[in-house]
Amino acid sequence: MEKSYGIEAARAQLGDIADHARTTGETIALTRHGRTVAVIGPAEAVKPTQGIKVGLHFPHVDWTAYLPVVPRTGELIEWEDPEHGGGRWEVTEVIHVASPDKADIALTLDPADEDARKQVNEK
């Protein structure tokens, strides 16, 4: 069996591909236009993603983090900054930018408690 299949070609053989992955332990890539879009393999062989990659824009610093979900505007998040300490932050803006090659998500955050306000004032 091949190591990768075009996603359209794989539709008719999905059961066979899944059985092959289960019995051999191999992972098989599903591709679209030559790029891997999904992987079929034994559950223990396929590593889950770390979450959703999000740009965090604080008033005093920017970070990139992996979050389990994208929070909505108005929600509060707890953030432990290794350089400035912890605090609660309000999501004031959620920006989604998508293109055929990638998607970006950015959050604008404002202080929501005294610890967070101290971090901004220290900068």
C-alpha atoms as a PDB file:
ATOM      1  CA  MET A   1       0.000   0.000   0.000  1.00  0.00           C
ATOM      2  CA  GLU A   2       1.198   3.535  -0.744  1.00  0.00           C
ATOM      3  CA  LYS A   3       2.427   5.932   1.950  1.00  0.00           C
ATOM      4  CA  SER A   4       0.138   8.733   0.734  1.00  0.00           C
ATOM      5  CA  TYR A   5      -3.029   9.141  -1.297  1.00  0.00           C
ATOM      6  CA  GLY A   6      -4.720  12.101  -2.887  1.00  0.00           C
ATOM      7  CA  ILE A   7      -7.806  12.848  -0.827  1.00  0.00           C
ATOM      8  CA  GLU A   8     -10.165  12.304  -3.778  1.00  0.00           C
ATOM      9  CA  ALA A   9      -8.578   8.959  -4.701  1.00  0.00           C
ATOM     10  CA  ALA A  10      -8.636   7.824  -1.066  1.00  0.00           C
ATOM     11  CA  ARG A  11     -12.427   8.126  -0.734  1.00  0.00           C
ATOM     12  CA  ALA A  12     -13.132   4.889  -2.561  1.00  0.00           C
ATOM     13  CA  GLN A  13     -10.459   3.016  -0.580  1.00  0.00           C
ATOM     14  CA  LEU A  14     -10.930   4.504   2.872  1.00  0.00           C
ATOM     15  CA  GLY A  15     -11.904   1.218   4.529  1.00  0.00           C
ATOM     16  CA  ASP A  16      -8.907  -0.585   3.036  1.00  0.00           C
ATOM     17  CA  ILE A  17      -6.566   2.242   4.018  1.00  0.00           C
ATOM     18  CA  ALA A  18      -7.857   2.223   7.615  1.00  0.00           C
ATOM     19  CA  ASP A  19      -7.548  -1.575   7.860  1.00  0.00           C
ATOM     20  CA  HIS A  20      -3.999  -1.455   6.498  1.00  0.00           C
ATOM     21  CA  ALA A  21      -3.021   1.252   9.011  1.00  0.00           C
ATOM     22  CA  ARG A  22      -4.549  -0.732  11.884  1.00  0.00           C
ATOM     23  CA  THR A  23      -2.922  -4.050  11.003  1.00  0.00           C
ATOM     24  CA  THR A  24       0.532  -2.761  10.030  1.00  0.00           C
ATOM     25  CA  GLY A  25       0.877   0.177  12.420  1.00  0.00           C
ATOM     26  CA  GLU A  26       1.843   2.450   9.517  1.00  0.00           C
ATOM     27  CA  THR A  27       0.469   5.937   9.028  1.00  0.00           C
ATOM     28  CA  ILE A  28      -0.812   6.964   5.622  1.00  0.00           C
ATOM     29  CA  ALA A  29      -1.020  10.598   4.540  1.00  0.00           C
ATOM     30  CA  LEU A  30      -4.012  12.029   2.715  1.00  0.00           C
ATOM     31  CA  THR A  31      -2.942  14.850   0.449  1.00  0.00           C
ATOM     32  CA  ARG A  32      -4.506  17.702  -1.465  1.00  0.00           C
ATOM     33  CA  HIS A  33      -2.402  19.301  -4.190  1.00  0.00           C
ATOM     34  CA  GLY A  34       0.612  17.421  -2.865  1.00  0.00           C
ATOM     35  CA  ARG A  35       0.305  18.722   0.714  1.00  0.00           C
ATOM     36  CA  THR A  36      -0.622  16.490   3.628  1.00  0.00           C
ATOM     37  CA  VAL A  37      -4.008  17.510   5.046  1.00  0.00           C
ATOM     38  CA  ALA A  38      -4.730  14.494   7.243  1.00  0.00           C
ATOM     39  CA  VAL A  39      -3.132  11.286   8.450  1.00  0.00           C
ATOM     40  CA  ILE A  40      -4.711   7.872   8.970  1.00  0.00           C
ATOM     41  CA  GLY A  41      -2.960   5.600  11.406  1.00  0.00           C
ATOM     42  CA  PRO A  42      -3.323   3.677  14.639  1.00  0.00           C
ATOM     43  CA  ALA A  43      -4.579   6.006  17.368  1.00  0.00           C
ATOM     44  CA  GLU A  44      -1.383   5.687  19.399  1.00  0.00           C
ATOM     45  CA  ALA A  45       0.791   6.512  16.354  1.00  0.00           C
ATOM     46  CA  VAL A  46      -0.863   9.830  15.481  1.00  0.00           C
ATOM     47  CA  LYS A  47       0.068  12.650  17.843  1.00  0.00           C
ATOM     48  CA  PRO A  48      -2.713  15.138  18.573  1.00  0.00           C
ATOM     49  CA  THR A  49      -2.062  18.807  17.936  1.00  0.00           C
ATOM     50  CA  GLN A  50      -1.085  21.005  20.840  1.00  0.00           C
ATOM     51  CA  GLY A  51      -4.185  23.126  20.436  1.00  0.00           C
ATOM     52  CA  ILE A  52      -4.897  26.196  18.371  1.00  0.00           C
ATOM     53  CA  LYS A  53      -1.945  28.480  17.697  1.00  0.00           C
ATOM     54  CA  VAL A  54      -2.925  32.012  18.713  1.00  0.00           C
ATOM     55  CA  GLY A  55      -1.066  35.306  18.783  1.00  0.00           C
ATOM     56  CA  LEU A  56      -1.622  37.079  22.108  1.00  0.00           C
ATOM     57  CA  HIS A  57      -1.290  40.868  21.977  1.00  0.00           C
ATOM     58  CA  PHE A  58      -1.010  42.348  25.460  1.00  0.00           C
ATOM     59  CA  PRO A  59      -0.529  46.113  25.954  1.00  0.00           C
ATOM     60  CA  HIS A  60       3.084  45.508  27.031  1.00  0.00           C
ATOM     61  CA  VAL A  61       4.206  42.364  25.160  1.00  0.00           C
ATOM     62  CA  ASP A  62       3.241  39.853  22.442  1.00  0.00           C
ATOM     63  CA  TRP A  63       3.300  36.073  22.811  1.00  0.00           C
ATOM     64  CA  THR A  64       2.332  33.052  20.747  1.00  0.00           C
ATOM     65  CA  ALA A  65       0.534  30.269  22.586  1.00  0.00           C
ATOM     66  CA  TYR A  66      -1.463  27.106  21.959  1.00  0.00           C
ATOM     67  CA  LEU A  67      -4.952  27.299  23.448  1.00  0.00           C
ATOM     68  CA  PRO A  68      -7.522  24.483  23.594  1.00  0.00           C
ATOM     69  CA  VAL A  69     -10.164  26.807  22.074  1.00  0.00           C
ATOM     70  CA  VAL A  70     -10.350  30.342  20.734  1.00  0.00           C
ATOM     71  CA  PRO A  71     -11.955  32.556  23.375  1.00  0.00           C
ATOM     72  CA  ARG A  72     -14.659  35.045  22.416  1.00  0.00           C
ATOM     73  CA  THR A  73     -14.563  38.796  22.833  1.00  0.00           C
ATOM     74  CA  GLY A  74     -15.402  39.658  26.440  1.00  0.00           C
ATOM     75  CA  GLU A  75     -14.186  36.366  27.910  1.00  0.00           C
ATOM     76  CA  LEU A  76     -11.454  36.318  30.527  1.00  0.00           C
ATOM     77  CA  ILE A  77      -8.309  34.228  30.326  1.00  0.00           C
ATOM     78  CA  GLU A  78      -5.681  33.471  32.933  1.00  0.00           C
ATOM     79  CA  TRP A  79      -2.155  33.987  31.614  1.00  0.00           C
ATOM     80  CA  GLU A  80       1.099  33.199  33.377  1.00  0.00           C
ATOM     81  CA  ASP A  81       3.829  35.254  31.730  1.00  0.00           C
ATOM     82  CA  PRO A  82       7.267  33.858  32.654  1.00  0.00           C
ATOM     83  CA  GLU A  83       8.763  37.371  32.574  1.00  0.00           C
ATOM     84  CA  HIS A  84       5.979  39.372  34.224  1.00  0.00           C
ATOM     85  CA  GLY A  85       3.867  37.000  36.349  1.00  0.00           C
ATOM     86  CA  GLY A  86       0.246  35.914  36.201  1.00  0.00           C
ATOM     87  CA  GLY A  87      -2.965  37.795  35.760  1.00  0.00           C
ATOM     88  CA  ARG A  88      -6.462  37.804  34.308  1.00  0.00           C
ATOM     89  CA  TRP A  89      -6.947  39.332  30.885  1.00  0.00           C
ATOM     90  CA  GLU A  90     -10.075  40.307  28.978  1.00  0.00           C
ATOM     91  CA  VAL A  91     -10.263  39.430  25.290  1.00  0.00           C
ATOM     92  CA  THR A  92     -11.134  42.715  23.582  1.00  0.00           C
ATOM     93  CA  GLU A  93     -10.683  41.613  19.979  1.00  0.00           C
ATOM     94  CA  VAL A  94     -10.433  38.336  18.065  1.00  0.00           C
ATOM     95  CA  ILE A  95      -8.890  38.599  14.608  1.00  0.00           C
ATOM     96  CA  HIS A  96      -9.143  35.752  12.084  1.00  0.00           C
ATOM     97  CA  VAL A  97      -7.035  35.996   8.933  1.00  0.00           C
ATOM     98  CA  ALA A  98      -7.335  33.118   6.468  1.00  0.00           C
ATOM     99  CA  SER A  99      -5.671  32.414   3.143  1.00  0.00           C
ATOM    100  CA  PRO A 100      -5.359  29.237   1.059  1.00  0.00           C
ATOM    101  CA  ASP A 101      -1.958  28.467   2.618  1.00  0.00           C
ATOM    102  CA  LYS A 102      -2.494  29.311   6.284  1.00  0.00           C
ATOM    103  CA  ALA A 103      -4.771  30.808   8.889  1.00  0.00           C
ATOM    104  CA  ASP A 104      -3.843  33.133  11.713  1.00  0.00           C
ATOM    105  CA  ILE A 105      -5.766  33.965  14.856  1.00  0.00           C
ATOM    106  CA  ALA A 106      -4.815  36.866  17.094  1.00  0.00           C
ATOM    107  CA  LEU A 107      -6.279  38.070  20.378  1.00  0.00           C
ATOM    108  CA  THR A 108      -6.026  41.582  21.756  1.00  0.00           C
ATOM    109  CA  LEU A 109      -6.050  41.495  25.553  1.00  0.00           C
ATOM    110  CA  ASP A 110      -6.539  44.128  28.234  1.00  0.00           C
ATOM    111  CA  PRO A 111      -5.892  43.801  31.978  1.00  0.00           C
ATOM    112  CA  ALA A 112      -8.859  42.449  33.947  1.00  0.00           C
ATOM    113  CA  ASP A 113      -7.371  42.387  37.457  1.00  0.00           C
ATOM    114  CA  GLU A 114      -4.833  44.246  39.584  1.00  0.00           C
ATOM    115  CA  ASP A 115      -1.996  41.773  38.850  1.00  0.00           C
ATOM    116  CA  ALA A 116      -2.438  42.274  35.110  1.00  0.00           C
ATOM    117  CA  ARG A 117      -2.593  46.083  35.495  1.00  0.00           C
ATOM    118  CA  LYS A 118       0.683  45.998  37.449  1.00  0.00           C
ATOM    119  CA  GLN A 119       2.358  44.142  34.587  1.00  0.00           C
ATOM    120  CA  VAL A 120       1.322  46.821  32.109  1.00  0.00           C
ATOM    121  CA  ASN A 121       2.442  49.646  34.394  1.00  0.00           C
ATOM    122  CA  GLU A 122       5.861  48.015  34.991  1.00  0.00           C
ATOM    123  CA  LYS A 123       6.729  48.098  31.300  1.00  0.00           C
END
